[in-house]
Amino acid sequence: MQMRYLKNVTTLALDISKCTGCGMCAEVCPHAVFRIEGRKAVIEDRDACMECGACARNCAPGALSVRAGVGCAAAVIAGKLRGTENPACGCSGTGCCENG
């Protein structure tokens, strides 16, 4: 079962005109958001993005952008740093970071 986050809220964006098809995004993404098709990156599963920023930091041509540190990724990190079991996102269990 794959982690699901809030639907249709990720800040992830791909400028296909800048993509060289190097595949780094697919390699570094912990949630398999990307695949390479026809020598270009394709966003396979946008809602699986946790906005960690690994793809954008490793995209040499700058084809990817994401506001890292927002959304559930920041909540999970903050929860771990505080030593709490649940993410500290303030969503009150409205679907954030649930399995589904």
PDB file of N, CA and C in Angstrom:
ATOM      1  N   MET A   1       0.849  -1.178   0.000  1.00  0.00           N
ATOM      2  CA  MET A   1       0.000   0.000   0.000  1.00  0.00           C
ATOM      3  C   MET A   1       0.892   1.238   0.000  1.00  0.00           C
ATOM      4  N   GLN A   2       0.613   2.181  -0.866  1.00  0.00           N
ATOM      5  CA  GLN A   2       1.420   3.394  -0.973  1.00  0.00           C
ATOM      6  C   GLN A   2       0.806   4.519  -0.158  1.00  0.00           C
ATOM      7  N   MET A   3       1.678   5.341   0.440  1.00  0.00           N
ATOM      8  CA  MET A   3       1.191   6.502   1.189  1.00  0.00           C
ATOM      9  C   MET A   3       0.469   7.452   0.248  1.00  0.00           C
ATOM     10  N   ARG A   4      -0.606   8.009   0.703  1.00  0.00           N
ATOM     11  CA  ARG A   4      -1.353   9.015  -0.047  1.00  0.00           C
ATOM     12  C   ARG A   4      -1.386  10.270   0.810  1.00  0.00           C
ATOM     13  N   TYR A   5      -1.323  11.390   0.182  1.00  0.00           N
ATOM     14  CA  TYR A   5      -1.367  12.666   0.873  1.00  0.00           C
ATOM     15  C   TYR A   5      -2.640  13.373   0.439  1.00  0.00           C
ATOM     16  N   LEU A   6      -2.725  14.634   0.645  1.00  0.00           N
ATOM     17  CA  LEU A   6      -3.908  15.378   0.210  1.00  0.00           C
ATOM     18  C   LEU A   6      -3.959  15.407  -1.310  1.00  0.00           C
ATOM     19  N   LYS A   7      -5.124  15.178  -1.887  1.00  0.00           N
ATOM     20  CA  LYS A   7      -5.266  15.151  -3.344  1.00  0.00           C
ATOM     21  C   LYS A   7      -5.163  16.559  -3.940  1.00  0.00           C
ATOM     22  N   ASN A   8      -4.462  16.634  -5.062  1.00  0.00           N
ATOM     23  CA  ASN A   8      -4.397  17.848  -5.883  1.00  0.00           C
ATOM     24  C   ASN A   8      -3.889  19.090  -5.147  1.00  0.00           C
ATOM     25  N   VAL A   9      -2.923  18.918  -4.246  1.00  0.00           N
ATOM     26  CA  VAL A   9      -2.399  20.089  -3.535  1.00  0.00           C
ATOM     27  C   VAL A   9      -0.900  20.283  -3.687  1.00  0.00           C
ATOM     28  N   THR A  10      -0.197  19.339  -4.281  1.00  0.00           N
ATOM     29  CA  THR A  10       1.254  19.452  -4.373  1.00  0.00           C
ATOM     30  C   THR A  10       1.675  20.650  -5.224  1.00  0.00           C
ATOM     31  N   THR A  11       2.798  21.229  -4.864  1.00  0.00           N
ATOM     32  CA  THR A  11       3.338  22.373  -5.607  1.00  0.00           C
ATOM     33  C   THR A  11       4.277  21.930  -6.724  1.00  0.00           C
ATOM     34  N   LEU A  12       4.386  20.622  -6.936  1.00  0.00           N
ATOM     35  CA  LEU A  12       5.273  20.061  -7.957  1.00  0.00           C
ATOM     36  C   LEU A  12       4.884  20.533  -9.358  1.00  0.00           C
ATOM     37  N   ALA A  13       5.875  21.010 -10.112  1.00  0.00           N
ATOM     38  CA  ALA A  13       5.644  21.440 -11.499  1.00  0.00           C
ATOM     39  C   ALA A  13       6.804  20.980 -12.376  1.00  0.00           C
ATOM     40  N   LEU A  14       6.475  20.581 -13.583  1.00  0.00           N
ATOM     41  CA  LEU A  14       7.461  20.115 -14.558  1.00  0.00           C
ATOM     42  C   LEU A  14       7.373  20.970 -15.811  1.00  0.00           C
ATOM     43  N   ASP A  15       8.498  21.586 -16.199  1.00  0.00           N
ATOM     44  CA  ASP A  15       8.581  22.332 -17.458  1.00  0.00           C
ATOM     45  C   ASP A  15       9.220  21.394 -18.473  1.00  0.00           C
ATOM     46  N   ILE A  16       8.392  20.707 -19.231  1.00  0.00           N
ATOM     47  CA  ILE A  16       8.845  19.674 -20.154  1.00  0.00           C
ATOM     48  C   ILE A  16       9.828  20.208 -21.197  1.00  0.00           C
ATOM     49  N   SER A  17       9.741  21.494 -21.516  1.00  0.00           N
ATOM     50  CA  SER A  17      10.651  22.073 -22.512  1.00  0.00           C
ATOM     51  C   SER A  17      12.094  22.119 -22.014  1.00  0.00           C
ATOM     52  N   LYS A  18      12.299  22.093 -20.700  1.00  0.00           N
ATOM     53  CA  LYS A  18      13.649  22.105 -20.125  1.00  0.00           C
ATOM     54  C   LYS A  18      14.173  20.709 -19.830  1.00  0.00           C
ATOM     55  N   CYS A  19      13.304  19.705 -19.845  1.00  0.00           N
ATOM     56  CA  CYS A  19      13.689  18.344 -19.467  1.00  0.00           C
ATOM     57  C   CYS A  19      14.604  17.724 -20.523  1.00  0.00           C
ATOM     58  N   THR A  20      15.709  17.137 -20.053  1.00  0.00           N
ATOM     59  CA  THR A  20      16.647  16.459 -20.950  1.00  0.00           C
ATOM     60  C   THR A  20      16.488  14.938 -20.895  1.00  0.00           C
ATOM     61  N   GLY A  21      15.609  14.453 -20.027  1.00  0.00           N
ATOM     62  CA  GLY A  21      15.388  13.019 -19.915  1.00  0.00           C
ATOM     63  C   GLY A  21      16.491  12.271 -19.205  1.00  0.00           C
ATOM     64  N   CYS A  22      17.253  12.941 -18.360  1.00  0.00           N
ATOM     65  CA  CYS A  22      18.386  12.303 -17.682  1.00  0.00           C
ATOM     66  C   CYS A  22      17.946  11.219 -16.696  1.00  0.00           C
ATOM     67  N   GLY A  23      16.743  11.328 -16.172  1.00  0.00           N
ATOM     68  CA  GLY A  23      16.206  10.325 -15.264  1.00  0.00           C
ATOM     69  C   GLY A  23      16.533  10.513 -13.799  1.00  0.00           C
ATOM     70  N   MET A  24      17.230  11.587 -13.450  1.00  0.00           N
ATOM     71  CA  MET A  24      17.571  11.806 -12.040  1.00  0.00           C
ATOM     72  C   MET A  24      16.334  11.944 -11.166  1.00  0.00           C
ATOM     73  N   CYS A  25      15.300  12.571 -11.669  1.00  0.00           N
ATOM     74  CA  CYS A  25      14.080  12.747 -10.881  1.00  0.00           C
ATOM     75  C   CYS A  25      13.504  11.387 -10.487  1.00  0.00           C
ATOM     76  N   ALA A  26      13.431  10.476 -11.450  1.00  0.00           N
ATOM     77  CA  ALA A  26      12.909   9.135 -11.177  1.00  0.00           C
ATOM     78  C   ALA A  26      13.819   8.372 -10.227  1.00  0.00           C
ATOM     79  N   GLU A  27      15.110   8.612 -10.325  1.00  0.00           N
ATOM     80  CA  GLU A  27      16.073   7.902  -9.483  1.00  0.00           C
ATOM     81  C   GLU A  27      16.015   8.356  -8.025  1.00  0.00           C
ATOM     82  N   VAL A  28      15.861   9.655  -7.786  1.00  0.00           N
ATOM     83  CA  VAL A  28      15.928  10.170  -6.416  1.00  0.00           C
ATOM     84  C   VAL A  28      14.580  10.269  -5.711  1.00  0.00           C
ATOM     85  N   CYS A  29      13.493  10.191  -6.440  1.00  0.00           N
ATOM     86  CA  CYS A  29      12.168  10.337  -5.831  1.00  0.00           C
ATOM     87  C   CYS A  29      11.842   9.126  -4.960  1.00  0.00           C
ATOM     88  N   PRO A  30      11.579   9.345  -3.672  1.00  0.00           N
ATOM     89  CA  PRO A  30      11.301   8.220  -2.778  1.00  0.00           C
ATOM     90  C   PRO A  30       9.921   7.595  -2.977  1.00  0.00           C
ATOM     91  N   HIS A  31       9.061   8.247  -3.758  1.00  0.00           N
ATOM     92  CA  HIS A  31       7.694   7.745  -3.922  1.00  0.00           C
ATOM     93  C   HIS A  31       7.310   7.445  -5.362  1.00  0.00           C
ATOM     94  N   ALA A  32       8.292   7.300  -6.238  1.00  0.00           N
ATOM     95  CA  ALA A  32       8.047   6.929  -7.642  1.00  0.00           C
ATOM     96  C   ALA A  32       7.029   7.836  -8.326  1.00  0.00           C
ATOM     97  N   VAL A  33       7.195   9.122  -8.140  1.00  0.00           N
ATOM     98  CA  VAL A  33       6.301  10.094  -8.762  1.00  0.00           C
ATOM     99  C   VAL A  33       6.570  10.208 -10.264  1.00  0.00           C
ATOM    100  N   PHE A  34       7.813   9.932 -10.681  1.00  0.00           N
ATOM    101  CA  PHE A  34       8.214  10.140 -12.078  1.00  0.00           C
ATOM    102  C   PHE A  34       8.520   8.842 -12.806  1.00  0.00           C
ATOM    103  N   ARG A  35       8.404   8.905 -14.116  1.00  0.00           N
ATOM    104  CA  ARG A  35       8.930   7.881 -15.011  1.00  0.00           C
ATOM    105  C   ARG A  35       9.460   8.611 -16.234  1.00  0.00           C
ATOM    106  N   ILE A  36      10.332   7.952 -16.989  1.00  0.00           N
ATOM    107  CA  ILE A  36      10.881   8.536 -18.212  1.00  0.00           C
ATOM    108  C   ILE A  36      10.183   7.862 -19.382  1.00  0.00           C
ATOM    109  N   GLU A  37       9.667   8.686 -20.279  1.00  0.00           N
ATOM    110  CA  GLU A  37       8.962   8.189 -21.452  1.00  0.00           C
ATOM    111  C   GLU A  37       9.365   9.052 -22.648  1.00  0.00           C
ATOM    112  N   GLY A  38       9.853   8.408 -23.682  1.00  0.00           N
ATOM    113  CA  GLY A  38      10.257   9.160 -24.869  1.00  0.00           C
ATOM    114  C   GLY A  38      11.318  10.197 -24.590  1.00  0.00           C
ATOM    115  N   ARG A  39      12.272   9.847 -23.724  1.00  0.00           N
ATOM    116  CA  ARG A  39      13.385  10.735 -23.350  1.00  0.00           C
ATOM    117  C   ARG A  39      12.950  12.011 -22.634  1.00  0.00           C
ATOM    118  N   LYS A  40      11.818  11.958 -21.968  1.00  0.00           N
ATOM    119  CA  LYS A  40      11.332  13.080 -21.159  1.00  0.00           C
ATOM    120  C   LYS A  40      10.734  12.533 -19.871  1.00  0.00           C
ATOM    121  N   ALA A  41      10.794  13.318 -18.821  1.00  0.00           N
ATOM    122  CA  ALA A  41      10.160  12.940 -17.558  1.00  0.00           C
ATOM    123  C   ALA A  41       8.655  13.116 -17.678  1.00  0.00           C
ATOM    124  N   VAL A  42       7.954  12.239 -17.010  1.00  0.00           N
ATOM    125  CA  VAL A  42       6.497  12.300 -16.937  1.00  0.00           C
ATOM    126  C   VAL A  42       6.127  12.182 -15.462  1.00  0.00           C
ATOM    127  N   ILE A  43       5.209  13.012 -15.014  1.00  0.00           N
ATOM    128  CA  ILE A  43       4.721  12.881 -13.643  1.00  0.00           C
ATOM    129  C   ILE A  43       3.716  11.742 -13.639  1.00  0.00           C
ATOM    130  N   GLU A  44       4.134  10.638 -13.037  1.00  0.00           N
ATOM    131  CA  GLU A  44       3.343   9.411 -13.009  1.00  0.00           C
ATOM    132  C   GLU A  44       2.233   9.470 -11.960  1.00  0.00           C
ATOM    133  N   ASP A  45       2.547  10.002 -10.788  1.00  0.00           N
ATOM    134  CA  ASP A  45       1.592  10.003  -9.674  1.00  0.00           C
ATOM    135  C   ASP A  45       1.787  11.259  -8.832  1.00  0.00           C
ATOM    136  N   ARG A  46       1.218  12.352  -9.279  1.00  0.00           N
ATOM    137  CA  ARG A  46       1.381  13.654  -8.613  1.00  0.00           C
ATOM    138  C   ARG A  46       0.982  13.612  -7.144  1.00  0.00           C
ATOM    139  N   ASP A  47      -0.083  12.907  -6.822  1.00  0.00           N
ATOM    140  CA  ASP A  47      -0.566  12.889  -5.439  1.00  0.00           C
ATOM    141  C   ASP A  47       0.320  12.082  -4.501  1.00  0.00           C
ATOM    142  N   ALA A  48       1.290  11.342  -5.033  1.00  0.00           N
ATOM    143  CA  ALA A  48       2.241  10.629  -4.179  1.00  0.00           C
ATOM    144  C   ALA A  48       3.390  11.538  -3.751  1.00  0.00           C
ATOM    145  N   CYS A  49       3.497  12.725  -4.339  1.00  0.00           N
ATOM    146  CA  CYS A  49       4.573  13.664  -4.016  1.00  0.00           C
ATOM    147  C   CYS A  49       4.427  14.172  -2.584  1.00  0.00           C
ATOM    148  N   MET A  50       5.520  14.046  -1.816  1.00  0.00           N
ATOM    149  CA  MET A  50       5.513  14.554  -0.446  1.00  0.00           C
ATOM    150  C   MET A  50       6.282  15.872  -0.326  1.00  0.00           C
ATOM    151  N   GLU A  51       6.630  16.445  -1.470  1.00  0.00           N
ATOM    152  CA  GLU A  51       7.281  17.755  -1.535  1.00  0.00           C
ATOM    153  C   GLU A  51       8.602  17.807  -0.781  1.00  0.00           C
ATOM    154  N   CYS A  52       9.379  16.731  -0.884  1.00  0.00           N
ATOM    155  CA  CYS A  52      10.685  16.708  -0.212  1.00  0.00           C
ATOM    156  C   CYS A  52      11.703  17.572  -0.951  1.00  0.00           C
ATOM    157  N   GLY A  53      11.515  17.762  -2.259  1.00  0.00           N
ATOM    158  CA  GLY A  53      12.404  18.611  -3.043  1.00  0.00           C
ATOM    159  C   GLY A  53      13.592  17.908  -3.671  1.00  0.00           C
ATOM    160  N   ALA A  54      13.732  16.601  -3.456  1.00  0.00           N
ATOM    161  CA  ALA A  54      14.880  15.871  -4.001  1.00  0.00           C
ATOM    162  C   ALA A  54      14.927  15.967  -5.521  1.00  0.00           C
ATOM    163  N   CYS A  55      13.797  15.891  -6.175  1.00  0.00           N
ATOM    164  CA  CYS A  55      13.769  15.940  -7.641  1.00  0.00           C
ATOM    165  C   CYS A  55      14.285  17.281  -8.154  1.00  0.00           C
ATOM    166  N   ALA A  56      13.777  18.366  -7.598  1.00  0.00           N
ATOM    167  CA  ALA A  56      14.179  19.697  -8.061  1.00  0.00           C
ATOM    168  C   ALA A  56      15.649  19.974  -7.770  1.00  0.00           C
ATOM    169  N   ARG A  57      16.132  19.539  -6.605  1.00  0.00           N
ATOM    170  CA  ARG A  57      17.543  19.759  -6.247  1.00  0.00           C
ATOM    171  C   ARG A  57      18.479  18.979  -7.160  1.00  0.00           C
ATOM    172  N   ASN A  58      18.010  17.900  -7.743  1.00  0.00           N
ATOM    173  CA  ASN A  58      18.850  17.061  -8.595  1.00  0.00           C
ATOM    174  C   ASN A  58      18.564  17.237 -10.075  1.00  0.00           C
ATOM    175  N   CYS A  59      17.763  18.213 -10.436  1.00  0.00           N
ATOM    176  CA  CYS A  59      17.423  18.478 -11.837  1.00  0.00           C
ATOM    177  C   CYS A  59      18.327  19.592 -12.369  1.00  0.00           C
ATOM    178  N   ALA A  60      19.422  19.191 -13.008  1.00  0.00           N
ATOM    179  CA  ALA A  60      20.412  20.157 -13.499  1.00  0.00           C
ATOM    180  C   ALA A  60      19.826  21.187 -14.469  1.00  0.00           C
ATOM    181  N   PRO A  61      18.941  20.798 -15.398  1.00  0.00           N
ATOM    182  CA  PRO A  61      18.396  21.809 -16.319  1.00  0.00           C
ATOM    183  C   PRO A  61      17.290  22.672 -15.706  1.00  0.00           C
ATOM    184  N   GLY A  62      16.877  22.391 -14.484  1.00  0.00           N
ATOM    185  CA  GLY A  62      15.857  23.208 -13.821  1.00  0.00           C
ATOM    186  C   GLY A  62      14.453  22.992 -14.357  1.00  0.00           C
ATOM    187  N   ALA A  63      14.163  21.784 -14.805  1.00  0.00           N
ATOM    188  CA  ALA A  63      12.839  21.486 -15.353  1.00  0.00           C
ATOM    189  C   ALA A  63      11.790  21.259 -14.270  1.00  0.00           C
ATOM    190  N   LEU A  64      12.235  21.000 -13.046  1.00  0.00           N
ATOM    191  CA  LEU A  64      11.308  20.714 -11.951  1.00  0.00           C
ATOM    192  C   LEU A  64      11.341  21.805 -10.904  1.00  0.00           C
ATOM    193  N   SER A  65      10.187  22.071 -10.350  1.00  0.00           N
ATOM    194  CA  SER A  65      10.111  22.982  -9.215  1.00  0.00           C
ATOM    195  C   SER A  65       9.100  22.429  -8.231  1.00  0.00           C
ATOM    196  N   VAL A  66       9.380  22.646  -6.970  1.00  0.00           N
ATOM    197  CA  VAL A  66       8.487  22.239  -5.896  1.00  0.00           C
ATOM    198  C   VAL A  66       8.841  23.084  -4.684  1.00  0.00           C
ATOM    199  N   ARG A  67       7.846  23.493  -3.955  1.00  0.00           N
ATOM    200  CA  ARG A  67       8.102  24.260  -2.736  1.00  0.00           C
ATOM    201  C   ARG A  67       8.381  23.267  -1.620  1.00  0.00           C
ATOM    202  N   ALA A  68       9.627  22.842  -1.528  1.00  0.00           N
ATOM    203  CA  ALA A  68      10.027  21.862  -0.520  1.00  0.00           C
ATOM    204  C   ALA A  68       9.792  22.419   0.873  1.00  0.00           C
ATOM    205  N   GLY A  69       9.365  21.536   1.759  1.00  0.00           N
ATOM    206  CA  GLY A  69       9.147  21.944   3.142  1.00  0.00           C
ATOM    207  C   GLY A  69       7.743  22.413   3.422  1.00  0.00           C
ATOM    208  N   VAL A  70       6.856  22.263   2.473  1.00  0.00           N
ATOM    209  CA  VAL A  70       5.446  22.581   2.712  1.00  0.00           C
ATOM    210  C   VAL A  70       4.675  21.276   2.739  1.00  0.00           C
ATOM    211  N   GLY A  71       3.457  21.322   3.138  1.00  0.00           N
ATOM    212  CA  GLY A  71       2.611  20.143   3.091  1.00  0.00           C
ATOM    213  C   GLY A  71       3.040  19.060   4.057  1.00  0.00           C
ATOM    214  N   CYS A  72       2.724  17.837   3.700  1.00  0.00           N
ATOM    215  CA  CYS A  72       2.922  16.694   4.588  1.00  0.00           C
ATOM    216  C   CYS A  72       4.378  16.382   4.847  1.00  0.00           C
ATOM    217  N   ALA A  73       5.265  16.636   3.901  1.00  0.00           N
ATOM    218  CA  ALA A  73       6.685  16.340   4.137  1.00  0.00           C
ATOM    219  C   ALA A  73       7.182  17.134   5.332  1.00  0.00           C
ATOM    220  N   ALA A  74       6.849  18.404   5.377  1.00  0.00           N
ATOM    221  CA  ALA A  74       7.269  19.233   6.500  1.00  0.00           C
ATOM    222  C   ALA A  74       6.625  18.759   7.793  1.00  0.00           C
ATOM    223  N   ALA A  75       5.378  18.309   7.714  1.00  0.00           N
ATOM    224  CA  ALA A  75       4.680  17.831   8.901  1.00  0.00           C
ATOM    225  C   ALA A  75       5.327  16.567   9.453  1.00  0.00           C
ATOM    226  N   VAL A  76       5.687  15.650   8.582  1.00  0.00           N
ATOM    227  CA  VAL A  76       6.322  14.408   9.016  1.00  0.00           C
ATOM    228  C   VAL A  76       7.675  14.706   9.653  1.00  0.00           C
ATOM    229  N   ILE A  77       8.457  15.571   9.018  1.00  0.00           N
ATOM    230  CA  ILE A  77       9.768  15.934   9.557  1.00  0.00           C
ATOM    231  C   ILE A  77       9.616  16.611  10.916  1.00  0.00           C
ATOM    232  N   ALA A  78       8.691  17.556  11.024  1.00  0.00           N
ATOM    233  CA  ALA A  78       8.477  18.255  12.288  1.00  0.00           C
ATOM    234  C   ALA A  78       8.037  17.284  13.373  1.00  0.00           C
ATOM    235  N   GLY A  79       7.172  16.344  13.037  1.00  0.00           N
ATOM    236  CA  GLY A  79       6.726  15.346  14.001  1.00  0.00           C
ATOM    237  C   GLY A  79       7.870  14.486  14.500  1.00  0.00           C
ATOM    238  N   LYS A  80       8.743  14.060  13.578  1.00  0.00           N
ATOM    239  CA  LYS A  80       9.904  13.250  13.968  1.00  0.00           C
ATOM    240  C   LYS A  80      10.850  14.048  14.869  1.00  0.00           C
ATOM    241  N   LEU A  81      11.075  15.318  14.538  1.00  0.00           N
ATOM    242  CA  LEU A  81      11.968  16.149  15.339  1.00  0.00           C
ATOM    243  C   LEU A  81      11.421  16.380  16.738  1.00  0.00           C
ATOM    244  N   ARG A  82      10.111  16.483  16.843  1.00  0.00           N
ATOM    245  CA  ARG A  82       9.468  16.689  18.149  1.00  0.00           C
ATOM    246  C   ARG A  82       9.319  15.383  18.921  1.00  0.00           C
ATOM    247  N   GLY A  83       9.530  14.259  18.232  1.00  0.00           N
ATOM    248  CA  GLY A  83       9.384  12.964  18.882  1.00  0.00           C
ATOM    249  C   GLY A  83       7.939  12.537  19.034  1.00  0.00           C
ATOM    250  N   THR A  84       7.061  13.115  18.252  1.00  0.00           N
ATOM    251  CA  THR A  84       5.654  12.726  18.302  1.00  0.00           C
ATOM    252  C   THR A  84       5.389  11.653  17.261  1.00  0.00           C
ATOM    253  N   GLU A  85       4.447  10.796  17.530  1.00  0.00           N
ATOM    254  CA  GLU A  85       4.145   9.706  16.607  1.00  0.00           C
ATOM    255  C   GLU A  85       3.490  10.217  15.336  1.00  0.00           C
ATOM    256  N   ASN A  86       2.601  11.167  15.458  1.00  0.00           N
ATOM    257  CA  ASN A  86       1.842  11.668  14.312  1.00  0.00           C
ATOM    258  C   ASN A  86       2.466  12.931  13.737  1.00  0.00           C
ATOM    259  N   PRO A  87       2.242  13.177  12.456  1.00  0.00           N
ATOM    260  CA  PRO A  87       2.742  14.414  11.851  1.00  0.00           C
ATOM    261  C   PRO A  87       2.141  15.637  12.525  1.00  0.00           C
ATOM    262  N   ALA A  88       2.911  16.692  12.588  1.00  0.00           N
ATOM    263  CA  ALA A  88       2.453  17.933  13.204  1.00  0.00           C
ATOM    264  C   ALA A  88       2.002  18.907  12.128  1.00  0.00           C
ATOM    265  N   CYS A  89       0.986  18.504  11.358  1.00  0.00           N
ATOM    266  CA  CYS A  89       0.554  19.361  10.254  1.00  0.00           C
ATOM    267  C   CYS A  89      -0.681  20.172  10.593  1.00  0.00           C
ATOM    268  N   GLY A  90      -1.346  19.850  11.680  1.00  0.00           N
ATOM    269  CA  GLY A  90      -2.517  20.614  12.068  1.00  0.00           C
ATOM    270  C   GLY A  90      -3.751  20.291  11.260  1.00  0.00           C
ATOM    271  N   CYS A  91      -3.746  19.185  10.535  1.00  0.00           N
ATOM    272  CA  CYS A  91      -4.899  18.874   9.688  1.00  0.00           C
ATOM    273  C   CYS A  91      -5.990  18.142  10.457  1.00  0.00           C
ATOM    274  N   SER A  92      -5.738  17.780  11.690  1.00  0.00           N
ATOM    275  CA  SER A  92      -6.709  17.110  12.559  1.00  0.00           C
ATOM    276  C   SER A  92      -7.266  15.842  11.968  1.00  0.00           C
ATOM    277  N   GLY A  93      -6.409  15.087  11.268  1.00  0.00           N
ATOM    278  CA  GLY A  93      -6.837  13.806  10.736  1.00  0.00           C
ATOM    279  C   GLY A  93      -7.802  13.885   9.572  1.00  0.00           C
ATOM    280  N   THR A  94      -7.699  14.928   8.778  1.00  0.00           N
ATOM    281  CA  THR A  94      -8.628  15.103   7.652  1.00  0.00           C
ATOM    282  C   THR A  94      -8.118  14.463   6.380  1.00  0.00           C
ATOM    283  N   GLY A  95      -7.208  13.521   6.468  1.00  0.00           N
ATOM    284  CA  GLY A  95      -6.733  12.811   5.289  1.00  0.00           C
ATOM    285  C   GLY A  95      -5.241  12.951   5.060  1.00  0.00           C
ATOM    286  N   CYS A  96      -4.596  13.866   5.722  1.00  0.00           N
ATOM    287  CA  CYS A  96      -3.169  14.081   5.534  1.00  0.00           C
ATOM    288  C   CYS A  96      -2.384  12.884   6.027  1.00  0.00           C
ATOM    289  N   CYS A  97      -1.491  12.402   5.170  1.00  0.00           N
ATOM    290  CA  CYS A  97      -0.552  11.340   5.526  1.00  0.00           C
ATOM    291  C   CYS A  97      -1.214  10.041   5.966  1.00  0.00           C
ATOM    292  N   GLU A  98      -2.392   9.765   5.478  1.00  0.00           N
ATOM    293  CA  GLU A  98      -3.037   8.500   5.767  1.00  0.00           C
ATOM    294  C   GLU A  98      -2.706   7.500   4.710  1.00  0.00           C
ATOM    295  N   ASN A  99      -2.725   6.234   5.047  1.00  0.00           N
ATOM    296  CA  ASN A  99      -2.618   5.177   4.039  1.00  0.00           C
ATOM    297  C   ASN A  99      -3.957   5.100   3.311  1.00  0.00           C
ATOM    298  N   GLY A 100      -3.872   4.779   2.048  1.00  0.00           N
ATOM    299  CA  GLY A 100      -5.140   4.645   1.351  1.00  0.00           C
ATOM    300  C   GLY A 100      -4.970   4.364  -0.093  1.00  0.00           C
TER     301      GLY A 100
END
